[in-house]
Amino acid sequence: MEEKTDVKSLVNTIYQAIEDKKGNNITIIKFSPEITSLCDYFIIADAESDRQLKAISDWIQRKVKTDLHTRPLHVEGEQFAQWIVLDYLDVIVHLFTPEMRDFYALEQLWADADFFKKPLN
């Protein structure tokens, strides 16, 4: 089954936005329907400070809105900026401080999914 191009474009635009703002350890997790119906992808990254996390979140939202004319359905955590979640329905972005990422260990929760460390083809 061919993947929806718009979802791939969304994933790749978000990935590039995180790279633009020097986010660290970017991981894309692709879910199969057998694993979860929550969404198609998680994108997880971290940054060294709450200011950098906020800057990455802002840049993702601006770039996705400009390039793909899409806004997140919901944004959570910007006030405290230790774990920011951007919900784009098919793609959920998790931005963490390194300590919070280690604590919640989302990659371990979804270990049976497919992991990518670069944009999708």
PDB file of N, CA and C in Angstrom:
ATOM      1  N   MET A   1       0.847  -1.191   0.000  1.00  0.00           N
ATOM      2  CA  MET A   1       0.000   0.000   0.000  1.00  0.00           C
ATOM      3  C   MET A   1       0.887   1.247   0.000  1.00  0.00           C
ATOM      4  N   GLU A   2       0.628   2.157  -0.908  1.00  0.00           N
ATOM      5  CA  GLU A   2       1.423   3.382  -1.027  1.00  0.00           C
ATOM      6  C   GLU A   2       1.061   4.368   0.078  1.00  0.00           C
ATOM      7  N   GLU A   3       2.090   4.935   0.680  1.00  0.00           N
ATOM      8  CA  GLU A   3       1.907   5.900   1.764  1.00  0.00           C
ATOM      9  C   GLU A   3       1.406   7.235   1.199  1.00  0.00           C
ATOM     10  N   LYS A   4       0.575   7.914   1.961  1.00  0.00           N
ATOM     11  CA  LYS A   4       0.087   9.219   1.546  1.00  0.00           C
ATOM     12  C   LYS A   4       1.251  10.196   1.450  1.00  0.00           C
ATOM     13  N   THR A   5       1.389  10.835   0.305  1.00  0.00           N
ATOM     14  CA  THR A   5       2.490  11.767   0.088  1.00  0.00           C
ATOM     15  C   THR A   5       2.435  12.918   1.085  1.00  0.00           C
ATOM     16  N   ASP A   6       1.247  13.390   1.425  1.00  0.00           N
ATOM     17  CA  ASP A   6       1.155  14.525   2.329  1.00  0.00           C
ATOM     18  C   ASP A   6       1.689  14.189   3.727  1.00  0.00           C
ATOM     19  N   VAL A   7       1.539  12.947   4.173  1.00  0.00           N
ATOM     20  CA  VAL A   7       2.076  12.561   5.477  1.00  0.00           C
ATOM     21  C   VAL A   7       3.598  12.532   5.412  1.00  0.00           C
ATOM     22  N   LYS A   8       4.147  11.986   4.334  1.00  0.00           N
ATOM     23  CA  LYS A   8       5.603  11.990   4.168  1.00  0.00           C
ATOM     24  C   LYS A   8       6.128  13.425   4.107  1.00  0.00           C
ATOM     25  N   SER A   9       5.437  14.280   3.399  1.00  0.00           N
ATOM     26  CA  SER A   9       5.852  15.687   3.322  1.00  0.00           C
ATOM     27  C   SER A   9       5.818  16.339   4.688  1.00  0.00           C
ATOM     28  N   LEU A  10       4.788  16.031   5.461  1.00  0.00           N
ATOM     29  CA  LEU A  10       4.683  16.571   6.808  1.00  0.00           C
ATOM     30  C   LEU A  10       5.842  16.083   7.677  1.00  0.00           C
ATOM     31  N   VAL A  11       6.116  14.786   7.652  1.00  0.00           N
ATOM     32  CA  VAL A  11       7.228  14.231   8.425  1.00  0.00           C
ATOM     33  C   VAL A  11       8.535  14.896   8.024  1.00  0.00           C
ATOM     34  N   ASN A  12       8.790  14.985   6.737  1.00  0.00           N
ATOM     35  CA  ASN A  12      10.059  15.551   6.261  1.00  0.00           C
ATOM     36  C   ASN A  12      10.179  17.043   6.557  1.00  0.00           C
ATOM     37  N   THR A  13       9.089  17.774   6.476  1.00  0.00           N
ATOM     38  CA  THR A  13       9.111  19.209   6.805  1.00  0.00           C
ATOM     39  C   THR A  13       9.399  19.404   8.291  1.00  0.00           C
ATOM     40  N   ILE A  14       8.780  18.611   9.128  1.00  0.00           N
ATOM     41  CA  ILE A  14       9.032  18.699  10.571  1.00  0.00           C
ATOM     42  C   ILE A  14      10.475  18.323  10.879  1.00  0.00           C
ATOM     43  N   TYR A  15      10.951  17.254  10.279  1.00  0.00           N
ATOM     44  CA  TYR A  15      12.345  16.823  10.483  1.00  0.00           C
ATOM     45  C   TYR A  15      13.302  17.963  10.121  1.00  0.00           C
ATOM     46  N   GLN A  16      13.089  18.562   8.965  1.00  0.00           N
ATOM     47  CA  GLN A  16      13.968  19.652   8.522  1.00  0.00           C
ATOM     48  C   GLN A  16      13.885  20.859   9.456  1.00  0.00           C
ATOM     49  N   ALA A  17      12.703  21.170   9.937  1.00  0.00           N
ATOM     50  CA  ALA A  17      12.548  22.297  10.865  1.00  0.00           C
ATOM     51  C   ALA A  17      13.331  22.049  12.155  1.00  0.00           C
ATOM     52  N   ILE A  18      13.296  20.823  12.638  1.00  0.00           N
ATOM     53  CA  ILE A  18      14.059  20.489  13.848  1.00  0.00           C
ATOM     54  C   ILE A  18      15.555  20.631  13.569  1.00  0.00           C
ATOM     55  N   GLU A  19      15.987  20.134  12.428  1.00  0.00           N
ATOM     56  CA  GLU A  19      17.406  20.282  12.058  1.00  0.00           C
ATOM     57  C   GLU A  19      17.792  21.753  11.923  1.00  0.00           C
ATOM     58  N   ASP A  20      16.914  22.559  11.336  1.00  0.00           N
ATOM     59  CA  ASP A  20      17.195  23.992  11.149  1.00  0.00           C
ATOM     60  C   ASP A  20      17.536  24.669  12.475  1.00  0.00           C
ATOM     61  N   LYS A  21      16.861  24.262  13.534  1.00  0.00           N
ATOM     62  CA  LYS A  21      17.052  24.873  14.853  1.00  0.00           C
ATOM     63  C   LYS A  21      17.973  24.055  15.746  1.00  0.00           C
ATOM     64  N   LYS A  22      18.733  23.154  15.116  1.00  0.00           N
ATOM     65  CA  LYS A  22      19.778  22.380  15.812  1.00  0.00           C
ATOM     66  C   LYS A  22      19.235  21.461  16.907  1.00  0.00           C
ATOM     67  N   GLY A  23      18.063  20.870  16.659  1.00  0.00           N
ATOM     68  CA  GLY A  23      17.557  19.863  17.573  1.00  0.00           C
ATOM     69  C   GLY A  23      18.445  18.634  17.542  1.00  0.00           C
ATOM     70  N   ASN A  24      18.453  17.885  18.610  1.00  0.00           N
ATOM     71  CA  ASN A  24      19.337  16.719  18.756  1.00  0.00           C
ATOM     72  C   ASN A  24      18.564  15.412  18.669  1.00  0.00           C
ATOM     73  N   ASN A  25      19.282  14.368  18.243  1.00  0.00           N
ATOM     74  CA  ASN A  25      18.779  12.989  18.321  1.00  0.00           C
ATOM     75  C   ASN A  25      17.382  12.832  17.729  1.00  0.00           C
ATOM     76  N   ILE A  26      17.207  13.307  16.515  1.00  0.00           N
ATOM     77  CA  ILE A  26      15.891  13.224  15.865  1.00  0.00           C
ATOM     78  C   ILE A  26      15.603  11.770  15.504  1.00  0.00           C
ATOM     79  N   THR A  27      14.463  11.286  15.948  1.00  0.00           N
ATOM     80  CA  THR A  27      14.039   9.917  15.657  1.00  0.00           C
ATOM     81  C   THR A  27      12.618   9.951  15.114  1.00  0.00           C
ATOM     82  N   ILE A  28      12.413   9.246  14.019  1.00  0.00           N
ATOM     83  CA  ILE A  28      11.079   9.078  13.443  1.00  0.00           C
ATOM     84  C   ILE A  28      10.646   7.652  13.745  1.00  0.00           C
ATOM     85  N   ILE A  29       9.474   7.505  14.310  1.00  0.00           N
ATOM     86  CA  ILE A  29       8.923   6.181  14.584  1.00  0.00           C
ATOM     87  C   ILE A  29       7.680   6.018  13.712  1.00  0.00           C
ATOM     88  N   LYS A  30       7.704   4.986  12.872  1.00  0.00           N
ATOM     89  CA  LYS A  30       6.558   4.688  12.012  1.00  0.00           C
ATOM     90  C   LYS A  30       5.784   3.528  12.625  1.00  0.00           C
ATOM     91  N   PHE A  31       4.505   3.754  12.810  1.00  0.00           N
ATOM     92  CA  PHE A  31       3.643   2.743  13.399  1.00  0.00           C
ATOM     93  C   PHE A  31       2.860   2.004  12.321  1.00  0.00           C
ATOM     94  N   SER A  32       2.741   0.722  12.487  1.00  0.00           N
ATOM     95  CA  SER A  32       1.853  -0.052  11.630  1.00  0.00           C
ATOM     96  C   SER A  32       0.485  -0.103  12.317  1.00  0.00           C
ATOM     97  N   PRO A  33      -0.563  -0.368  11.569  1.00  0.00           N
ATOM     98  CA  PRO A  33      -1.899  -0.453  12.183  1.00  0.00           C
ATOM     99  C   PRO A  33      -1.990  -1.533  13.262  1.00  0.00           C
ATOM    100  N   GLU A  34      -1.139  -2.559  13.173  1.00  0.00           N
ATOM    101  CA  GLU A  34      -1.151  -3.616  14.180  1.00  0.00           C
ATOM    102  C   GLU A  34      -0.609  -3.126  15.522  1.00  0.00           C
ATOM    103  N   ILE A  35       0.241  -2.096  15.491  1.00  0.00           N
ATOM    104  CA  ILE A  35       0.852  -1.583  16.714  1.00  0.00           C
ATOM    105  C   ILE A  35      -0.075  -0.585  17.409  1.00  0.00           C
ATOM    106  N   THR A  36      -0.560   0.396  16.652  1.00  0.00           N
ATOM    107  CA  THR A  36      -1.453   1.408  17.233  1.00  0.00           C
ATOM    108  C   THR A  36      -2.217   2.122  16.130  1.00  0.00           C
ATOM    109  N   SER A  37      -3.385   2.603  16.472  1.00  0.00           N
ATOM    110  CA  SER A  37      -4.153   3.449  15.556  1.00  0.00           C
ATOM    111  C   SER A  37      -4.071   4.910  16.002  1.00  0.00           C
ATOM    112  N   LEU A  38      -3.224   5.176  16.976  1.00  0.00           N
ATOM    113  CA  LEU A  38      -3.061   6.521  17.523  1.00  0.00           C
ATOM    114  C   LEU A  38      -2.665   7.521  16.442  1.00  0.00           C
ATOM    115  N   CYS A  39      -1.641   7.178  15.664  1.00  0.00           N
ATOM    116  CA  CYS A  39      -1.168   8.036  14.579  1.00  0.00           C
ATOM    117  C   CYS A  39      -0.270   7.195  13.689  1.00  0.00           C
ATOM    118  N   ASP A  40       0.214   7.787  12.597  1.00  0.00           N
ATOM    119  CA  ASP A  40       1.118   7.073  11.697  1.00  0.00           C
ATOM    120  C   ASP A  40       2.579   7.193  12.139  1.00  0.00           C
ATOM    121  N   TYR A  41       2.924   8.368  12.695  1.00  0.00           N
ATOM    122  CA  TYR A  41       4.322   8.624  13.063  1.00  0.00           C
ATOM    123  C   TYR A  41       4.428   9.396  14.369  1.00  0.00           C
ATOM    124  N   PHE A  42       5.491   9.122  15.109  1.00  0.00           N
ATOM    125  CA  PHE A  42       6.013   9.998  16.148  1.00  0.00           C
ATOM    126  C   PHE A  42       7.319  10.553  15.611  1.00  0.00           C
ATOM    127  N   ILE A  43       7.573  11.810  15.898  1.00  0.00           N
ATOM    128  CA  ILE A  43       8.895  12.376  15.690  1.00  0.00           C
ATOM    129  C   ILE A  43       9.355  12.853  17.061  1.00  0.00           C
ATOM    130  N   ILE A  44      10.513  12.377  17.478  1.00  0.00           N
ATOM    131  CA  ILE A  44      11.033  12.684  18.801  1.00  0.00           C
ATOM    132  C   ILE A  44      12.391  13.357  18.637  1.00  0.00           C
ATOM    133  N   ALA A  45      12.602  14.435  19.395  1.00  0.00           N
ATOM    134  CA  ALA A  45      13.895  15.126  19.381  1.00  0.00           C
ATOM    135  C   ALA A  45      14.102  15.777  20.731  1.00  0.00           C
ATOM    136  N   ASP A  46      15.338  16.172  20.989  1.00  0.00           N
ATOM    137  CA  ASP A  46      15.606  16.904  22.217  1.00  0.00           C
ATOM    138  C   ASP A  46      16.468  18.119  21.925  1.00  0.00           C
ATOM    139  N   ALA A  47      16.529  18.996  22.910  1.00  0.00           N
ATOM    140  CA  ALA A  47      17.318  20.227  22.821  1.00  0.00           C
ATOM    141  C   ALA A  47      17.841  20.548  24.205  1.00  0.00           C
ATOM    142  N   GLU A  48      18.881  21.340  24.258  1.00  0.00           N
ATOM    143  CA  GLU A  48      19.600  21.579  25.511  1.00  0.00           C
ATOM    144  C   GLU A  48      18.901  22.525  26.484  1.00  0.00           C
ATOM    145  N   SER A  49      17.961  23.317  26.010  1.00  0.00           N
ATOM    146  CA  SER A  49      17.332  24.288  26.910  1.00  0.00           C
ATOM    147  C   SER A  49      15.857  24.446  26.575  1.00  0.00           C
ATOM    148  N   ASP A  50      15.119  24.987  27.540  1.00  0.00           N
ATOM    149  CA  ASP A  50      13.700  25.244  27.293  1.00  0.00           C
ATOM    150  C   ASP A  50      13.526  26.296  26.199  1.00  0.00           C
ATOM    151  N   ARG A  51      14.428  27.245  26.123  1.00  0.00           N
ATOM    152  CA  ARG A  51      14.345  28.270  25.059  1.00  0.00           C
ATOM    153  C   ARG A  51      14.520  27.652  23.679  1.00  0.00           C
ATOM    154  N   GLN A  52      15.466  26.726  23.567  1.00  0.00           N
ATOM    155  CA  GLN A  52      15.675  26.063  22.285  1.00  0.00           C
ATOM    156  C   GLN A  52      14.466  25.195  21.933  1.00  0.00           C
ATOM    157  N   LEU A  53      13.896  24.491  22.905  1.00  0.00           N
ATOM    158  CA  LEU A  53      12.692  23.697  22.646  1.00  0.00           C
ATOM    159  C   LEU A  53      11.562  24.573  22.123  1.00  0.00           C
ATOM    160  N   LYS A  54      11.356  25.700  22.759  1.00  0.00           N
ATOM    161  CA  LYS A  54      10.304  26.632  22.325  1.00  0.00           C
ATOM    162  C   LYS A  54      10.587  27.147  20.913  1.00  0.00           C
ATOM    163  N   ALA A  55      11.858  27.461  20.633  1.00  0.00           N
ATOM    164  CA  ALA A  55      12.230  27.937  19.289  1.00  0.00           C
ATOM    165  C   ALA A  55      11.975  26.857  18.237  1.00  0.00           C
ATOM    166  N   ILE A  56      12.300  25.614  18.564  1.00  0.00           N
ATOM    167  CA  ILE A  56      12.042  24.513  17.629  1.00  0.00           C
ATOM    168  C   ILE A  56      10.536  24.355  17.404  1.00  0.00           C
ATOM    169  N   SER A  57       9.756  24.369  18.470  1.00  0.00           N
ATOM    170  CA  SER A  57       8.302  24.256  18.353  1.00  0.00           C
ATOM    171  C   SER A  57       7.727  25.372  17.480  1.00  0.00           C
ATOM    172  N   ASP A  58       8.148  26.591  17.742  1.00  0.00           N
ATOM    173  CA  ASP A  58       7.668  27.735  16.957  1.00  0.00           C
ATOM    174  C   ASP A  58       8.036  27.591  15.484  1.00  0.00           C
ATOM    175  N   TRP A  59       9.273  27.150  15.220  1.00  0.00           N
ATOM    176  CA  TRP A  59       9.744  27.025  13.839  1.00  0.00           C
ATOM    177  C   TRP A  59       9.002  25.905  13.109  1.00  0.00           C
ATOM    178  N   ILE A  60       8.772  24.789  13.783  1.00  0.00           N
ATOM    179  CA  ILE A  60       7.990  23.712  13.162  1.00  0.00           C
ATOM    180  C   ILE A  60       6.621  24.243  12.756  1.00  0.00           C
ATOM    181  N   GLN A  61       5.947  24.914  13.677  1.00  0.00           N
ATOM    182  CA  GLN A  61       4.601  25.414  13.385  1.00  0.00           C
ATOM    183  C   GLN A  61       4.608  26.412  12.231  1.00  0.00           C
ATOM    184  N   ARG A  62       5.593  27.297  12.216  1.00  0.00           N
ATOM    185  CA  ARG A  62       5.676  28.297  11.141  1.00  0.00           C
ATOM    186  C   ARG A  62       5.977  27.637   9.801  1.00  0.00           C
ATOM    187  N   LYS A  63       6.949  26.713   9.788  1.00  0.00           N
ATOM    188  CA  LYS A  63       7.357  26.071   8.531  1.00  0.00           C
ATOM    189  C   LYS A  63       6.240  25.190   7.969  1.00  0.00           C
ATOM    190  N   VAL A  64       5.579  24.420   8.824  1.00  0.00           N
ATOM    191  CA  VAL A  64       4.487  23.559   8.352  1.00  0.00           C
ATOM    192  C   VAL A  64       3.318  24.409   7.847  1.00  0.00           C
ATOM    193  N   LYS A  65       3.029  25.484   8.539  1.00  0.00           N
ATOM    194  CA  LYS A  65       1.939  26.372   8.098  1.00  0.00           C
ATOM    195  C   LYS A  65       2.278  27.001   6.747  1.00  0.00           C
ATOM    196  N   THR A  66       3.501  27.475   6.598  1.00  0.00           N
ATOM    197  CA  THR A  66       3.919  28.133   5.354  1.00  0.00           C
ATOM    198  C   THR A  66       4.020  27.148   4.196  1.00  0.00           C
ATOM    199  N   ASP A  67       4.682  26.027   4.428  1.00  0.00           N
ATOM    200  CA  ASP A  67       4.955  25.080   3.337  1.00  0.00           C
ATOM    201  C   ASP A  67       3.774  24.176   3.008  1.00  0.00           C
ATOM    202  N   LEU A  68       3.019  23.765   4.024  1.00  0.00           N
ATOM    203  CA  LEU A  68       1.974  22.764   3.817  1.00  0.00           C
ATOM    204  C   LEU A  68       0.571  23.254   4.170  1.00  0.00           C
ATOM    205  N   HIS A  69       0.472  24.503   4.625  1.00  0.00           N
ATOM    206  CA  HIS A  69      -0.816  25.115   4.970  1.00  0.00           C
ATOM    207  C   HIS A  69      -1.580  24.285   6.009  1.00  0.00           C
ATOM    208  N   THR A  70      -0.828  23.816   7.002  1.00  0.00           N
ATOM    209  CA  THR A  70      -1.399  22.972   8.049  1.00  0.00           C
ATOM    210  C   THR A  70      -0.978  23.498   9.415  1.00  0.00           C
ATOM    211  N   ARG A  71      -1.896  23.423  10.342  1.00  0.00           N
ATOM    212  CA  ARG A  71      -1.615  23.797  11.736  1.00  0.00           C
ATOM    213  C   ARG A  71      -1.813  22.576  12.617  1.00  0.00           C
ATOM    214  N   PRO A  72      -1.131  22.548  13.755  1.00  0.00           N
ATOM    215  CA  PRO A  72      -1.369  21.417  14.661  1.00  0.00           C
ATOM    216  C   PRO A  72      -2.776  21.478  15.233  1.00  0.00           C
ATOM    217  N   LEU A  73      -3.358  20.320  15.478  1.00  0.00           N
ATOM    218  CA  LEU A  73      -4.662  20.256  16.121  1.00  0.00           C
ATOM    219  C   LEU A  73      -4.564  20.709  17.566  1.00  0.00           C
ATOM    220  N   HIS A  74      -3.412  20.405  18.171  1.00  0.00           N
ATOM    221  CA  HIS A  74      -3.226  20.746  19.578  1.00  0.00           C
ATOM    222  C   HIS A  74      -1.734  20.880  19.867  1.00  0.00           C
ATOM    223  N   VAL A  75      -1.397  21.821  20.729  1.00  0.00           N
ATOM    224  CA  VAL A  75      -0.025  21.993  21.212  1.00  0.00           C
ATOM    225  C   VAL A  75      -0.079  21.989  22.727  1.00  0.00           C
ATOM    226  N   GLU A  76       0.806  21.218  23.332  1.00  0.00           N
ATOM    227  CA  GLU A  76       0.823  21.097  24.791  1.00  0.00           C
ATOM    228  C   GLU A  76       2.258  21.242  25.290  1.00  0.00           C
ATOM    229  N   GLY A  77       2.417  21.924  26.409  1.00  0.00           N
ATOM    230  CA  GLY A  77       3.695  21.979  27.094  1.00  0.00           C
ATOM    231  C   GLY A  77       4.573  23.175  26.817  1.00  0.00           C
ATOM    232  N   GLU A  78       4.140  24.087  25.969  1.00  0.00           N
ATOM    233  CA  GLU A  78       4.994  25.237  25.644  1.00  0.00           C
ATOM    234  C   GLU A  78       5.223  26.148  26.844  1.00  0.00           C
ATOM    235  N   GLN A  79       4.303  26.176  27.764  1.00  0.00           N
ATOM    236  CA  GLN A  79       4.433  27.050  28.927  1.00  0.00           C
ATOM    237  C   GLN A  79       5.654  26.674  29.770  1.00  0.00           C
ATOM    238  N   PHE A  80       5.900  25.366  29.945  1.00  0.00           N
ATOM    239  CA  PHE A  80       7.018  24.927  30.775  1.00  0.00           C
ATOM    240  C   PHE A  80       8.201  24.451  29.947  1.00  0.00           C
ATOM    241  N   ALA A  81       7.964  24.084  28.712  1.00  0.00           N
ATOM    242  CA  ALA A  81       8.979  23.751  27.716  1.00  0.00           C
ATOM    243  C   ALA A  81      10.014  22.736  28.186  1.00  0.00           C
ATOM    244  N   GLN A  82       9.556  21.655  28.783  1.00  0.00           N
ATOM    245  CA  GLN A  82      10.441  20.529  29.049  1.00  0.00           C
ATOM    246  C   GLN A  82      10.001  19.310  28.233  1.00  0.00           C
ATOM    247  N   TRP A  83       8.733  19.300  27.869  1.00  0.00           N
ATOM    248  CA  TRP A  83       8.192  18.304  26.954  1.00  0.00           C
ATOM    249  C   TRP A  83       7.075  19.014  26.190  1.00  0.00           C
ATOM    250  N   ILE A  84       7.320  19.289  24.934  1.00  0.00           N
ATOM    251  CA  ILE A  84       6.328  19.945  24.086  1.00  0.00           C
ATOM    252  C   ILE A  84       5.789  18.910  23.103  1.00  0.00           C
ATOM    253  N   VAL A  85       4.474  18.855  22.978  1.00  0.00           N
ATOM    254  CA  VAL A  85       3.823  17.931  22.053  1.00  0.00           C
ATOM    255  C   VAL A  85       3.051  18.749  21.020  1.00  0.00           C
ATOM    256  N   LEU A  86       3.305  18.444  19.755  1.00  0.00           N
ATOM    257  CA  LEU A  86       2.572  19.042  18.637  1.00  0.00           C
ATOM    258  C   LEU A  86       1.793  17.919  17.961  1.00  0.00           C
ATOM    259  N   ASP A  87       0.481  18.024  17.926  1.00  0.00           N
ATOM    260  CA  ASP A  87      -0.372  16.977  17.366  1.00  0.00           C
ATOM    261  C   ASP A  87      -0.862  17.403  15.992  1.00  0.00           C
ATOM    262  N   TYR A  88      -0.318  16.760  14.968  1.00  0.00           N
ATOM    263  CA  TYR A  88      -0.742  16.990  13.591  1.00  0.00           C
ATOM    264  C   TYR A  88      -1.620  15.842  13.080  1.00  0.00           C
ATOM    265  N   LEU A  89      -2.279  15.135  13.977  1.00  0.00           N
ATOM    266  CA  LEU A  89      -3.179  14.023  13.724  1.00  0.00           C
ATOM    267  C   LEU A  89      -2.425  12.771  13.253  1.00  0.00           C
ATOM    268  N   ASP A  90      -1.899  12.770  12.041  1.00  0.00           N
ATOM    269  CA  ASP A  90      -1.151  11.617  11.551  1.00  0.00           C
ATOM    270  C   ASP A  90       0.276  11.583  12.078  1.00  0.00           C
ATOM    271  N   VAL A  91       0.757  12.733  12.534  1.00  0.00           N
ATOM    272  CA  VAL A  91       2.126  12.866  13.027  1.00  0.00           C
ATOM    273  C   VAL A  91       2.074  13.598  14.367  1.00  0.00           C
ATOM    274  N   ILE A  92       2.686  12.993  15.376  1.00  0.00           N
ATOM    275  CA  ILE A  92       2.775  13.637  16.681  1.00  0.00           C
ATOM    276  C   ILE A  92       4.249  13.886  16.980  1.00  0.00           C
ATOM    277  N   VAL A  93       4.570  15.131  17.309  1.00  0.00           N
ATOM    278  CA  VAL A  93       5.943  15.541  17.559  1.00  0.00           C
ATOM    279  C   VAL A  93       6.134  15.673  19.067  1.00  0.00           C
ATOM    280  N   HIS A  94       7.215  15.071  19.567  1.00  0.00           N
ATOM    281  CA  HIS A  94       7.588  15.156  20.980  1.00  0.00           C
ATOM    282  C   HIS A  94       8.956  15.821  21.064  1.00  0.00           C
ATOM    283  N   LEU A  95       9.013  16.977  21.713  1.00  0.00           N
ATOM    284  CA  LEU A  95      10.264  17.705  21.907  1.00  0.00           C
ATOM    285  C   LEU A  95      10.571  17.714  23.397  1.00  0.00           C
ATOM    286  N   PHE A  96      11.747  17.246  23.762  1.00  0.00           N
ATOM    287  CA  PHE A  96      12.112  17.069  25.166  1.00  0.00           C
ATOM    288  C   PHE A  96      13.417  17.771  25.510  1.00  0.00           C
ATOM    289  N   THR A  97      13.597  18.039  26.808  1.00  0.00           N
ATOM    290  CA  THR A  97      14.941  18.236  27.329  1.00  0.00           C
ATOM    291  C   THR A  97      15.540  16.828  27.410  1.00  0.00           C
ATOM    292  N   PRO A  98      16.872  16.691  27.379  1.00  0.00           N
ATOM    293  CA  PRO A  98      17.464  15.347  27.447  1.00  0.00           C
ATOM    294  C   PRO A  98      17.031  14.556  28.685  1.00  0.00           C
ATOM    295  N   GLU A  99      16.911  15.226  29.812  1.00  0.00           N
ATOM    296  CA  GLU A  99      16.511  14.539  31.042  1.00  0.00           C
ATOM    297  C   GLU A  99      15.083  13.995  30.947  1.00  0.00           C
ATOM    298  N   MET A 100      14.188  14.779  30.401  1.00  0.00           N
ATOM    299  CA  MET A 100      12.794  14.331  30.262  1.00  0.00           C
ATOM    300  C   MET A 100      12.686  13.209  29.230  1.00  0.00           C
ATOM    301  N   ARG A 101      13.474  13.294  28.180  1.00  0.00           N
ATOM    302  CA  ARG A 101      13.454  12.228  27.175  1.00  0.00           C
ATOM    303  C   ARG A 101      13.924  10.913  27.787  1.00  0.00           C
ATOM    304  N   ASP A 102      14.986  10.968  28.562  1.00  0.00           N
ATOM    305  CA  ASP A 102      15.477   9.758  29.231  1.00  0.00           C
ATOM    306  C   ASP A 102      14.440   9.217  30.213  1.00  0.00           C
ATOM    307  N   PHE A 103      13.797  10.104  30.936  1.00  0.00           N
ATOM    308  CA  PHE A 103      12.820   9.691  31.943  1.00  0.00           C
ATOM    309  C   PHE A 103      11.620   8.976  31.311  1.00  0.00           C
ATOM    310  N   TYR A 104      11.055   9.561  30.242  1.00  0.00           N
ATOM    311  CA  TYR A 104       9.854   8.982  29.634  1.00  0.00           C
ATOM    312  C   TYR A 104      10.151   7.864  28.645  1.00  0.00           C
ATOM    313  N   ALA A 105      11.331   7.865  28.039  1.00  0.00           N
ATOM    314  CA  ALA A 105      11.810   6.760  27.182  1.00  0.00           C
ATOM    315  C   ALA A 105      10.751   6.259  26.194  1.00  0.00           C
ATOM    316  N   LEU A 106      10.183   7.161  25.411  1.00  0.00           N
ATOM    317  CA  LEU A 106       9.135   6.765  24.464  1.00  0.00           C
ATOM    318  C   LEU A 106       9.612   5.729  23.461  1.00  0.00           C
ATOM    319  N   GLU A 107      10.866   5.820  23.053  1.00  0.00           N
ATOM    320  CA  GLU A 107      11.384   4.846  22.083  1.00  0.00           C
ATOM    321  C   GLU A 107      11.293   3.428  22.635  1.00  0.00           C
ATOM    322  N   GLN A 108      11.488   3.267  23.930  1.00  0.00           N
ATOM    323  CA  GLN A 108      11.409   1.930  24.523  1.00  0.00           C
ATOM    324  C   GLN A 108       9.968   1.426  24.587  1.00  0.00           C
ATOM    325  N   LEU A 109       9.030   2.339  24.763  1.00  0.00           N
ATOM    326  CA  LEU A 109       7.620   1.938  24.803  1.00  0.00           C
ATOM    327  C   LEU A 109       7.142   1.390  23.462  1.00  0.00           C
ATOM    328  N   TRP A 110       7.722   1.906  22.384  1.00  0.00           N
ATOM    329  CA  TRP A 110       7.295   1.529  21.041  1.00  0.00           C
ATOM    330  C   TRP A 110       8.404   0.767  20.309  1.00  0.00           C
ATOM    331  N   ALA A 111       9.132  -0.060  21.008  1.00  0.00           N
ATOM    332  CA  ALA A 111      10.301  -0.748  20.455  1.00  0.00           C
ATOM    333  C   ALA A 111       9.963  -1.658  19.272  1.00  0.00           C
ATOM    334  N   ASP A 112       8.719  -2.081  19.144  1.00  0.00           N
ATOM    335  CA  ASP A 112       8.352  -2.969  18.039  1.00  0.00           C
ATOM    336  C   ASP A 112       7.952  -2.209  16.769  1.00  0.00           C
ATOM    337  N   ALA A 113       8.058  -0.894  16.771  1.00  0.00           N
ATOM    338  CA  ALA A 113       7.767  -0.077  15.584  1.00  0.00           C
ATOM    339  C   ALA A 113       9.035   0.080  14.753  1.00  0.00           C
ATOM    340  N   ASP A 114       8.897   0.732  13.584  1.00  0.00           N
ATOM    341  CA  ASP A 114      10.040   1.006  12.709  1.00  0.00           C
ATOM    342  C   ASP A 114      10.635   2.360  13.055  1.00  0.00           C
ATOM    343  N   PHE A 115      11.965   2.409  13.177  1.00  0.00           N
ATOM    344  CA  PHE A 115      12.673   3.626  13.559  1.00  0.00           C
ATOM    345  C   PHE A 115      13.515   4.137  12.392  1.00  0.00           C
ATOM    346  N   PHE A 116      13.550   5.477  12.236  1.00  0.00           N
ATOM    347  CA  PHE A 116      14.359   6.125  11.205  1.00  0.00           C
ATOM    348  C   PHE A 116      15.118   7.291  11.833  1.00  0.00           C
ATOM    349  N   LYS A 117      16.326   7.525  11.352  1.00  0.00           N
ATOM    350  CA  LYS A 117      17.141   8.626  11.852  1.00  0.00           C
ATOM    351  C   LYS A 117      17.383   9.673  10.771  1.00  0.00           C
ATOM    352  N   LYS A 118      16.645   9.574   9.666  1.00  0.00           N
ATOM    353  CA  LYS A 118      16.774  10.543   8.580  1.00  0.00           C
ATOM    354  C   LYS A 118      15.413  10.730   7.927  1.00  0.00           C
ATOM    355  N   PRO A 119      15.261  11.769   7.103  1.00  0.00           N
ATOM    356  CA  PRO A 119      13.954  11.994   6.458  1.00  0.00           C
ATOM    357  C   PRO A 119      13.511  10.772   5.644  1.00  0.00           C
ATOM    358  N   LEU A 120      12.224  10.684   5.394  1.00  0.00           N
ATOM    359  CA  LEU A 120      11.659   9.569   4.636  1.00  0.00           C
ATOM    360  C   LEU A 120      11.887   9.766   3.152  1.00  0.00           C
ATOM    361  N   ASN A 121      11.988   8.668   2.430  1.00  0.00           N
ATOM    362  CA  ASN A 121      12.139   8.710   0.951  1.00  0.00           C
ATOM    363  C   ASN A 121      10.808   8.901   0.292  1.00  0.00           C
TER     364      ASN A 121
END
